[in-house]
Amino acid sequence: MGFPGGEFGRGVRAGRGEMPREQDRADRRFPAMDDIDHKDGGADGADQAHRLTADELAFLLRDPMLRAREAERAARSNRSRTERRAADPAYAERLRAGDRERQRRRRLRDSIGRPEPLEPAAIDLPDLTEAQAAARLTDHLERNPSAQAAQLRGRPDRIRLYAEAFVAYRILSAGGVRPTRGALAALLKSRFGRIVTPSQVQKLRDHVEGFGASGGPWAVAASHPSGPVRTRNAEKADTDNHAPRRSRP
């Protein structure tokens, strides 16, 4: 009765001095597939990492005409949105509000793990009534030869709005903290009946701070308790463009 094949049989036959069978030689020349897979697993894993996904392949294999049509459709959509933004102020404001919200969320994500920023300090404003603030601004514009000042001199309604914003800013900054846009808009509405959009109240706050800087019509004569007031170019403030900006909170 012979011994079964396999390693045990080959070992016994080798001990007897027998030559290995042809099948044994074939087994050594052609190892099993699972052995090959086991040995080459690292290389296969590296290749797998560089393989394209089904979505990537579908994108690369798309019909060039289809891609051209999609690009043309996107261009038409952009043109339509631009034209509607120019013709519809309410639509433009909604787009700006959406952009601000996305920026707010991005800043919020970026701020995770960072220390809380210090509350921005408000600028010092002199103790003036609305009429006195308007008079100072008018006198400043009369002595200013710039084109921006000439444009603003012809807008008494704009000067009155700036004077109202001056009063609201001074009330809200009594504690030394820079007024938020929301608080400034709410006080303008409750005290003066002004309804302003977020972008408009941002411009108003920037203008008040620009005119209240050193050299401006609303600058405080004495130095600021925390140091000298930062100089701004108040001549650049006009009706449509932003006054020189300070960093936003």
C-alpha atoms as a PDB file:
ATOM      1  CA  MET A   1       0.000   0.000   0.000  1.00  0.00           C
ATOM      2  CA  GLY A   2       1.562   3.288  -1.109  1.00  0.00           C
ATOM      3  CA  PHE A   3       1.741   6.541   0.792  1.00  0.00           C
ATOM      4  CA  PRO A   4      -0.588   9.397  -0.157  1.00  0.00           C
ATOM      5  CA  GLY A   5       0.724  12.285  -2.170  1.00  0.00           C
ATOM      6  CA  GLY A   6       1.580  15.757  -0.828  1.00  0.00           C
ATOM      7  CA  GLU A   7       4.408  16.910   1.398  1.00  0.00           C
ATOM      8  CA  PHE A   8       4.283  13.816   3.579  1.00  0.00           C
ATOM      9  CA  GLY A   9       4.585  11.491   0.578  1.00  0.00           C
ATOM     10  CA  ARG A  10       7.382  13.509  -0.991  1.00  0.00           C
ATOM     11  CA  GLY A  11       9.332  13.498   2.280  1.00  0.00           C
ATOM     12  CA  VAL A  12       9.053   9.702   2.602  1.00  0.00           C
ATOM     13  CA  ARG A  13      10.085   9.143  -1.006  1.00  0.00           C
ATOM     14  CA  ALA A  14      13.007  11.524  -0.603  1.00  0.00           C
ATOM     15  CA  GLY A  15      14.101   9.559   2.442  1.00  0.00           C
ATOM     16  CA  ARG A  16      14.041   6.376   0.370  1.00  0.00           C
ATOM     17  CA  GLY A  17      16.112   8.011  -2.344  1.00  0.00           C
ATOM     18  CA  GLU A  18      13.257   8.114  -4.818  1.00  0.00           C
ATOM     19  CA  MET A  19      13.107  10.828  -7.496  1.00  0.00           C
ATOM     20  CA  PRO A  20      10.303  13.406  -7.141  1.00  0.00           C
ATOM     21  CA  ARG A  21       7.334  12.763  -9.288  1.00  0.00           C
ATOM     22  CA  GLU A  22       6.496  14.938 -12.297  1.00  0.00           C
ATOM     23  CA  GLN A  23       3.464  16.388 -10.452  1.00  0.00           C
ATOM     24  CA  ASP A  24       5.703  17.512  -7.603  1.00  0.00           C
ATOM     25  CA  ARG A  25       7.965  19.345 -10.011  1.00  0.00           C
ATOM     26  CA  ALA A  26       4.965  21.005 -11.596  1.00  0.00           C
ATOM     27  CA  ASP A  27       3.721  22.102  -8.201  1.00  0.00           C
ATOM     28  CA  ARG A  28       7.021  23.807  -7.524  1.00  0.00           C
ATOM     29  CA  ARG A  29       7.124  25.493 -10.929  1.00  0.00           C
ATOM     30  CA  PHE A  30       3.530  26.733 -10.778  1.00  0.00           C
ATOM     31  CA  PRO A  31       2.550  27.697  -7.214  1.00  0.00           C
ATOM     32  CA  ALA A  32      -1.098  28.017  -6.322  1.00  0.00           C
ATOM     33  CA  MET A  33      -2.919  31.252  -7.234  1.00  0.00           C
ATOM     34  CA  ASP A  34      -3.728  32.058  -3.622  1.00  0.00           C
ATOM     35  CA  ASP A  35       0.000  32.026  -2.839  1.00  0.00           C
ATOM     36  CA  ILE A  36       0.657  34.499  -5.649  1.00  0.00           C
ATOM     37  CA  ASP A  37      -2.143  36.761  -4.448  1.00  0.00           C
ATOM     38  CA  HIS A  38      -0.767  36.655  -0.944  1.00  0.00           C
ATOM     39  CA  LYS A  39       2.745  37.571  -2.053  1.00  0.00           C
ATOM     40  CA  ASP A  40       1.679  40.400  -4.394  1.00  0.00           C
ATOM     41  CA  GLY A  41      -0.995  41.876  -2.135  1.00  0.00           C
ATOM     42  CA  GLY A  42       1.062  45.019  -1.420  1.00  0.00           C
ATOM     43  CA  ALA A  43       1.550  45.857  -5.093  1.00  0.00           C
ATOM     44  CA  ASP A  44      -2.117  45.272  -5.866  1.00  0.00           C
ATOM     45  CA  GLY A  45      -3.105  47.576  -2.999  1.00  0.00           C
ATOM     46  CA  ALA A  46      -0.878  50.345  -4.375  1.00  0.00           C
ATOM     47  CA  ASP A  47      -2.351  49.951  -7.854  1.00  0.00           C
ATOM     48  CA  GLN A  48      -5.860  50.007  -6.396  1.00  0.00           C
ATOM     49  CA  ALA A  49      -5.195  53.365  -4.770  1.00  0.00           C
ATOM     50  CA  HIS A  50      -4.443  54.910  -8.181  1.00  0.00           C
ATOM     51  CA  ARG A  51      -7.418  53.457 -10.000  1.00  0.00           C
ATOM     52  CA  LEU A  52     -10.145  55.841 -11.164  1.00  0.00           C
ATOM     53  CA  THR A  53     -13.588  55.623  -9.685  1.00  0.00           C
ATOM     54  CA  ALA A  54     -16.637  54.937 -11.790  1.00  0.00           C
ATOM     55  CA  ASP A  55     -17.662  58.612 -11.626  1.00  0.00           C
ATOM     56  CA  GLU A  56     -14.210  59.750 -12.723  1.00  0.00           C
ATOM     57  CA  LEU A  57     -14.214  57.342 -15.644  1.00  0.00           C
ATOM     58  CA  ALA A  58     -17.695  58.468 -16.659  1.00  0.00           C
ATOM     59  CA  PHE A  59     -16.552  62.096 -16.584  1.00  0.00           C
ATOM     60  CA  LEU A  60     -13.484  61.404 -18.739  1.00  0.00           C
ATOM     61  CA  LEU A  61     -15.425  59.283 -21.220  1.00  0.00           C
ATOM     62  CA  ARG A  62     -18.250  61.761 -21.720  1.00  0.00           C
ATOM     63  CA  ASP A  63     -19.124  62.879 -25.182  1.00  0.00           C
ATOM     64  CA  PRO A  64     -17.127  66.063 -26.009  1.00  0.00           C
ATOM     65  CA  MET A  65     -20.263  67.551 -27.538  1.00  0.00           C
ATOM     66  CA  LEU A  66     -22.110  66.950 -24.294  1.00  0.00           C
ATOM     67  CA  ARG A  67     -19.392  68.731 -22.337  1.00  0.00           C
ATOM     68  CA  ALA A  68     -19.528  71.666 -24.753  1.00  0.00           C
ATOM     69  CA  ARG A  69     -23.308  71.911 -24.350  1.00  0.00           C
ATOM     70  CA  GLU A  70     -23.000  71.879 -20.560  1.00  0.00           C
ATOM     71  CA  ALA A  71     -20.371  74.635 -20.664  1.00  0.00           C
ATOM     72  CA  GLU A  72     -22.592  76.729 -22.931  1.00  0.00           C
ATOM     73  CA  ARG A  73     -25.570  76.193 -20.631  1.00  0.00           C
ATOM     74  CA  ALA A  74     -23.499  77.313 -17.625  1.00  0.00           C
ATOM     75  CA  ALA A  75     -22.358  80.433 -19.496  1.00  0.00           C
ATOM     76  CA  ARG A  76     -25.963  81.327 -20.384  1.00  0.00           C
ATOM     77  CA  SER A  77     -26.985  80.863 -16.760  1.00  0.00           C
ATOM     78  CA  ASN A  78     -24.203  83.178 -15.587  1.00  0.00           C
ATOM     79  CA  ARG A  79     -25.172  85.850 -18.127  1.00  0.00           C
ATOM     80  CA  SER A  80     -28.819  85.632 -17.127  1.00  0.00           C
ATOM     81  CA  ARG A  81     -27.943  85.936 -13.439  1.00  0.00           C
ATOM     82  CA  THR A  82     -25.704  88.944 -14.112  1.00  0.00           C
ATOM     83  CA  GLU A  83     -28.403  90.711 -16.148  1.00  0.00           C
ATOM     84  CA  ARG A  84     -31.068  90.027 -13.529  1.00  0.00           C
ATOM     85  CA  ARG A  85     -28.797  91.257 -10.755  1.00  0.00           C
ATOM     86  CA  ALA A  86     -28.336  94.546 -12.604  1.00  0.00           C
ATOM     87  CA  ALA A  87     -32.077  94.950 -13.248  1.00  0.00           C
ATOM     88  CA  ASP A  88     -33.499  93.675  -9.944  1.00  0.00           C
ATOM     89  CA  PRO A  89     -32.039  95.220  -6.745  1.00  0.00           C
ATOM     90  CA  ALA A  90     -33.974  92.801  -4.526  1.00  0.00           C
ATOM     91  CA  TYR A  91     -32.519  89.806  -6.384  1.00  0.00           C
ATOM     92  CA  ALA A  92     -29.029  91.316  -6.152  1.00  0.00           C
ATOM     93  CA  GLU A  93     -29.454  91.781  -2.409  1.00  0.00           C
ATOM     94  CA  ARG A  94     -30.532  88.147  -2.020  1.00  0.00           C
ATOM     95  CA  LEU A  95     -27.417  87.033  -3.856  1.00  0.00           C
ATOM     96  CA  ARG A  96     -25.230  89.228  -1.645  1.00  0.00           C
ATOM     97  CA  ALA A  97     -26.982  87.893   1.456  1.00  0.00           C
ATOM     98  CA  GLY A  98     -26.293  84.347   0.295  1.00  0.00           C
ATOM     99  CA  ASP A  99     -22.623  85.203  -0.291  1.00  0.00           C
ATOM    100  CA  ARG A 100     -22.347  86.760   3.176  1.00  0.00           C
ATOM    101  CA  GLU A 101     -23.938  83.695   4.767  1.00  0.00           C
ATOM    102  CA  ARG A 102     -21.519  81.365   2.980  1.00  0.00           C
ATOM    103  CA  GLN A 103     -18.594  83.533   4.067  1.00  0.00           C
ATOM    104  CA  ARG A 104     -19.894  83.551   7.639  1.00  0.00           C
ATOM    105  CA  ARG A 105     -20.106  79.763   7.672  1.00  0.00           C
ATOM    106  CA  ARG A 106     -16.638  79.432   6.195  1.00  0.00           C
ATOM    107  CA  ARG A 107     -15.194  81.801   8.797  1.00  0.00           C
ATOM    108  CA  LEU A 108     -17.003  79.823  11.488  1.00  0.00           C
ATOM    109  CA  ARG A 109     -15.498  76.554  10.251  1.00  0.00           C
ATOM    110  CA  ASP A 110     -12.037  78.127  10.032  1.00  0.00           C
ATOM    111  CA  SER A 111     -12.320  79.534  13.554  1.00  0.00           C
ATOM    112  CA  ILE A 112     -12.917  76.160  15.187  1.00  0.00           C
ATOM    113  CA  GLY A 113     -10.110  75.537  17.650  1.00  0.00           C
ATOM    114  CA  ARG A 114      -8.821  79.099  17.521  1.00  0.00           C
ATOM    115  CA  PRO A 115      -8.953  81.519  20.472  1.00  0.00           C
ATOM    116  CA  GLU A 116     -11.826  83.979  20.519  1.00  0.00           C
ATOM    117  CA  PRO A 117     -10.877  87.322  18.875  1.00  0.00           C
ATOM    118  CA  LEU A 118     -10.918  90.450  20.981  1.00  0.00           C
ATOM    119  CA  GLU A 119     -13.957  92.685  20.694  1.00  0.00           C
ATOM    120  CA  PRO A 120     -13.129  95.550  18.300  1.00  0.00           C
ATOM    121  CA  ALA A 121     -12.979  98.952  19.939  1.00  0.00           C
ATOM    122  CA  ALA A 122     -15.235 101.749  18.765  1.00  0.00           C
ATOM    123  CA  ILE A 123     -13.772 105.038  17.609  1.00  0.00           C
ATOM    124  CA  ASP A 124     -14.247 108.078  19.815  1.00  0.00           C
ATOM    125  CA  LEU A 125     -16.810 110.591  18.565  1.00  0.00           C
ATOM    126  CA  PRO A 126     -17.402 114.102  19.929  1.00  0.00           C
ATOM    127  CA  ASP A 127     -20.545 114.985  21.882  1.00  0.00           C
ATOM    128  CA  LEU A 128     -22.594 116.515  19.072  1.00  0.00           C
ATOM    129  CA  THR A 129     -26.261 116.659  18.220  1.00  0.00           C
ATOM    130  CA  GLU A 130     -27.516 115.486  14.865  1.00  0.00           C
ATOM    131  CA  ALA A 131     -27.673 119.079  13.586  1.00  0.00           C
ATOM    132  CA  GLN A 132     -24.156 119.849  14.820  1.00  0.00           C
ATOM    133  CA  ALA A 133     -22.774 116.686  13.211  1.00  0.00           C
ATOM    134  CA  ALA A 134     -24.428 117.614   9.903  1.00  0.00           C
ATOM    135  CA  ALA A 135     -23.068 121.176  10.137  1.00  0.00           C
ATOM    136  CA  ARG A 136     -19.525 119.950  10.778  1.00  0.00           C
ATOM    137  CA  LEU A 137     -19.732 117.545   7.867  1.00  0.00           C
ATOM    138  CA  THR A 138     -21.100 120.259   5.558  1.00  0.00           C
ATOM    139  CA  ASP A 139     -18.330 122.689   6.565  1.00  0.00           C
ATOM    140  CA  HIS A 140     -15.724 119.989   5.998  1.00  0.00           C
ATOM    141  CA  LEU A 141     -17.080 119.289   2.517  1.00  0.00           C
ATOM    142  CA  GLU A 142     -17.138 122.988   1.634  1.00  0.00           C
ATOM    143  CA  ARG A 143     -13.413 123.244   2.376  1.00  0.00           C
ATOM    144  CA  ASN A 144     -12.600 120.038   0.528  1.00  0.00           C
ATOM    145  CA  PRO A 145     -11.861 120.524  -3.201  1.00  0.00           C
ATOM    146  CA  SER A 146     -12.126 116.852  -4.172  1.00  0.00           C
ATOM    147  CA  ALA A 147     -14.699 115.568  -6.660  1.00  0.00           C
ATOM    148  CA  GLN A 148     -16.089 113.189  -4.031  1.00  0.00           C
ATOM    149  CA  ALA A 149     -16.725 116.082  -1.666  1.00  0.00           C
ATOM    150  CA  ALA A 150     -18.433 118.066  -4.439  1.00  0.00           C
ATOM    151  CA  GLN A 151     -20.672 115.076  -5.151  1.00  0.00           C
ATOM    152  CA  LEU A 152     -21.631 114.753  -1.504  1.00  0.00           C
ATOM    153  CA  ARG A 153     -22.290 118.510  -1.148  1.00  0.00           C
ATOM    154  CA  GLY A 154     -25.069 118.115  -3.656  1.00  0.00           C
ATOM    155  CA  ARG A 155     -26.760 115.378  -1.599  1.00  0.00           C
ATOM    156  CA  PRO A 156     -28.213 116.988   1.571  1.00  0.00           C
ATOM    157  CA  ASP A 157     -30.293 113.862   2.166  1.00  0.00           C
ATOM    158  CA  ARG A 158     -27.089 111.829   2.296  1.00  0.00           C
ATOM    159  CA  ILE A 159     -25.505 114.280   4.735  1.00  0.00           C
ATOM    160  CA  ARG A 160     -28.580 113.978   6.977  1.00  0.00           C
ATOM    161  CA  LEU A 161     -28.338 110.169   6.818  1.00  0.00           C
ATOM    162  CA  TYR A 162     -24.690 110.293   7.848  1.00  0.00           C
ATOM    163  CA  ALA A 163     -25.554 112.594  10.754  1.00  0.00           C
ATOM    164  CA  GLU A 164     -28.237 110.150  11.901  1.00  0.00           C
ATOM    165  CA  ALA A 165     -25.744 107.296  11.653  1.00  0.00           C
ATOM    166  CA  PHE A 166     -23.305 109.398  13.692  1.00  0.00           C
ATOM    167  CA  VAL A 167     -25.856 109.758  16.513  1.00  0.00           C
ATOM    168  CA  ALA A 168     -26.759 106.048  16.437  1.00  0.00           C
ATOM    169  CA  TYR A 169     -23.101 104.991  16.412  1.00  0.00           C
ATOM    170  CA  ARG A 170     -22.268 107.254  19.358  1.00  0.00           C
ATOM    171  CA  ILE A 171     -25.192 105.921  21.415  1.00  0.00           C
ATOM    172  CA  LEU A 172     -24.312 102.285  20.762  1.00  0.00           C
ATOM    173  CA  SER A 173     -20.577 102.742  21.352  1.00  0.00           C
ATOM    174  CA  ALA A 174     -20.985 104.244  24.821  1.00  0.00           C
ATOM    175  CA  GLY A 175     -19.427 101.114  26.324  1.00  0.00           C
ATOM    176  CA  GLY A 176     -16.381 101.322  24.070  1.00  0.00           C
ATOM    177  CA  VAL A 177     -17.395  98.388  21.853  1.00  0.00           C
ATOM    178  CA  ARG A 178     -17.871  98.878  18.141  1.00  0.00           C
ATOM    179  CA  PRO A 179     -21.598  98.705  17.251  1.00  0.00           C
ATOM    180  CA  THR A 180     -22.693  95.704  15.252  1.00  0.00           C
ATOM    181  CA  ARG A 181     -24.440  96.217  11.937  1.00  0.00           C
ATOM    182  CA  GLY A 182     -27.644  94.696  13.286  1.00  0.00           C
ATOM    183  CA  ALA A 183     -27.776  96.993  16.312  1.00  0.00           C
ATOM    184  CA  LEU A 184     -26.996 100.032  14.166  1.00  0.00           C
ATOM    185  CA  ALA A 185     -29.750  99.167  11.671  1.00  0.00           C
ATOM    186  CA  ALA A 186     -32.264  98.576  14.483  1.00  0.00           C
ATOM    187  CA  LEU A 187     -31.529 101.943  16.132  1.00  0.00           C
ATOM    188  CA  LEU A 188     -31.706 103.800  12.826  1.00  0.00           C
ATOM    189  CA  LYS A 189     -35.142 102.299  12.263  1.00  0.00           C
ATOM    190  CA  SER A 190     -36.516 102.886  15.762  1.00  0.00           C
ATOM    191  CA  ARG A 191     -35.098 106.403  16.264  1.00  0.00           C
ATOM    192  CA  PHE A 192     -35.136 107.897  12.760  1.00  0.00           C
ATOM    193  CA  GLY A 193     -37.466 105.613  10.791  1.00  0.00           C
ATOM    194  CA  ARG A 194     -34.635 104.591   8.461  1.00  0.00           C
ATOM    195  CA  ILE A 195     -34.782 101.124   6.903  1.00  0.00           C
ATOM    196  CA  VAL A 196     -31.378 100.060   5.604  1.00  0.00           C
ATOM    197  CA  THR A 197     -30.054  96.818   4.153  1.00  0.00           C
ATOM    198  CA  PRO A 198     -27.064  95.012   5.662  1.00  0.00           C
ATOM    199  CA  SER A 199     -24.770  96.312   2.913  1.00  0.00           C
ATOM    200  CA  GLN A 200     -26.039  99.882   3.409  1.00  0.00           C
ATOM    201  CA  VAL A 201     -25.551  99.815   7.164  1.00  0.00           C
ATOM    202  CA  GLN A 202     -22.045  98.453   6.616  1.00  0.00           C
ATOM    203  CA  LYS A 203     -21.268 101.455   4.409  1.00  0.00           C
ATOM    204  CA  LEU A 204     -22.779 103.842   6.944  1.00  0.00           C
ATOM    205  CA  ARG A 205     -20.656 102.426   9.742  1.00  0.00           C
ATOM    206  CA  ASP A 206     -17.545 102.690   7.570  1.00  0.00           C
ATOM    207  CA  HIS A 207     -18.368 106.313   6.684  1.00  0.00           C
ATOM    208  CA  VAL A 208     -18.937 107.314  10.305  1.00  0.00           C
ATOM    209  CA  GLU A 209     -15.609 105.781  11.291  1.00  0.00           C
ATOM    210  CA  GLY A 210     -13.902 107.405   8.302  1.00  0.00           C
ATOM    211  CA  PHE A 211     -15.252 110.878   9.129  1.00  0.00           C
ATOM    212  CA  GLY A 212     -14.435 110.344  12.808  1.00  0.00           C
ATOM    213  CA  ALA A 213     -10.782 109.537  12.117  1.00  0.00           C
ATOM    214  CA  SER A 214      -7.957 111.999  12.597  1.00  0.00           C
ATOM    215  CA  GLY A 215      -8.384 114.910  10.193  1.00  0.00           C
ATOM    216  CA  GLY A 216     -12.063 114.196   9.631  1.00  0.00           C
ATOM    217  CA  PRO A 217     -14.994 116.451  10.524  1.00  0.00           C
ATOM    218  CA  TRP A 218     -16.005 114.261  13.477  1.00  0.00           C
ATOM    219  CA  ALA A 219     -12.538 113.648  14.893  1.00  0.00           C
ATOM    220  CA  VAL A 220     -12.072 114.136  18.638  1.00  0.00           C
ATOM    221  CA  ALA A 221      -9.516 116.840  19.448  1.00  0.00           C
ATOM    222  CA  ALA A 222      -8.042 114.932  22.408  1.00  0.00           C
ATOM    223  CA  SER A 223      -6.071 111.759  21.846  1.00  0.00           C
ATOM    224  CA  HIS A 224      -7.751 108.399  22.312  1.00  0.00           C
ATOM    225  CA  PRO A 225      -7.281 106.881  25.831  1.00  0.00           C
ATOM    226  CA  SER A 226      -5.690 103.771  24.339  1.00  0.00           C
ATOM    227  CA  GLY A 227      -3.343 105.757  22.102  1.00  0.00           C
ATOM    228  CA  PRO A 228      -3.418 108.055  19.104  1.00  0.00           C
ATOM    229  CA  VAL A 229      -6.331 107.668  16.737  1.00  0.00           C
ATOM    230  CA  ARG A 230      -5.374 105.883  13.550  1.00  0.00           C
ATOM    231  CA  THR A 231      -5.248 108.303  10.636  1.00  0.00           C
ATOM    232  CA  ARG A 232      -7.639 107.762   7.744  1.00  0.00           C
ATOM    233  CA  ASN A 233      -7.993 109.553   4.451  1.00  0.00           C
ATOM    234  CA  ALA A 234     -11.405 111.082   5.049  1.00  0.00           C
ATOM    235  CA  GLU A 235     -11.394 112.775   1.634  1.00  0.00           C
ATOM    236  CA  LYS A 236     -12.123 109.439  -0.046  1.00  0.00           C
ATOM    237  CA  ALA A 237     -15.518 109.096   1.602  1.00  0.00           C
ATOM    238  CA  ASP A 238     -18.312 109.728  -0.874  1.00  0.00           C
ATOM    239  CA  THR A 239     -21.912 108.775  -1.457  1.00  0.00           C
ATOM    240  CA  ASP A 240     -21.499 105.567  -3.381  1.00  0.00           C
ATOM    241  CA  ASN A 241     -18.034 104.256  -2.590  1.00  0.00           C
ATOM    242  CA  HIS A 242     -16.972 102.885   0.753  1.00  0.00           C
ATOM    243  CA  ALA A 243     -15.137 105.057   3.206  1.00  0.00           C
ATOM    244  CA  PRO A 244     -11.714 103.750   4.229  1.00  0.00           C
ATOM    245  CA  ARG A 245     -12.398 100.435   5.923  1.00  0.00           C
ATOM    246  CA  ARG A 246     -11.304  99.191   9.285  1.00  0.00           C
ATOM    247  CA  SER A 247     -11.042  95.474   9.826  1.00  0.00           C
ATOM    248  CA  ARG A 248     -14.408  93.777  10.287  1.00  0.00           C
ATOM    249  CA  PRO A 249     -15.132  91.756  13.428  1.00  0.00           C
END
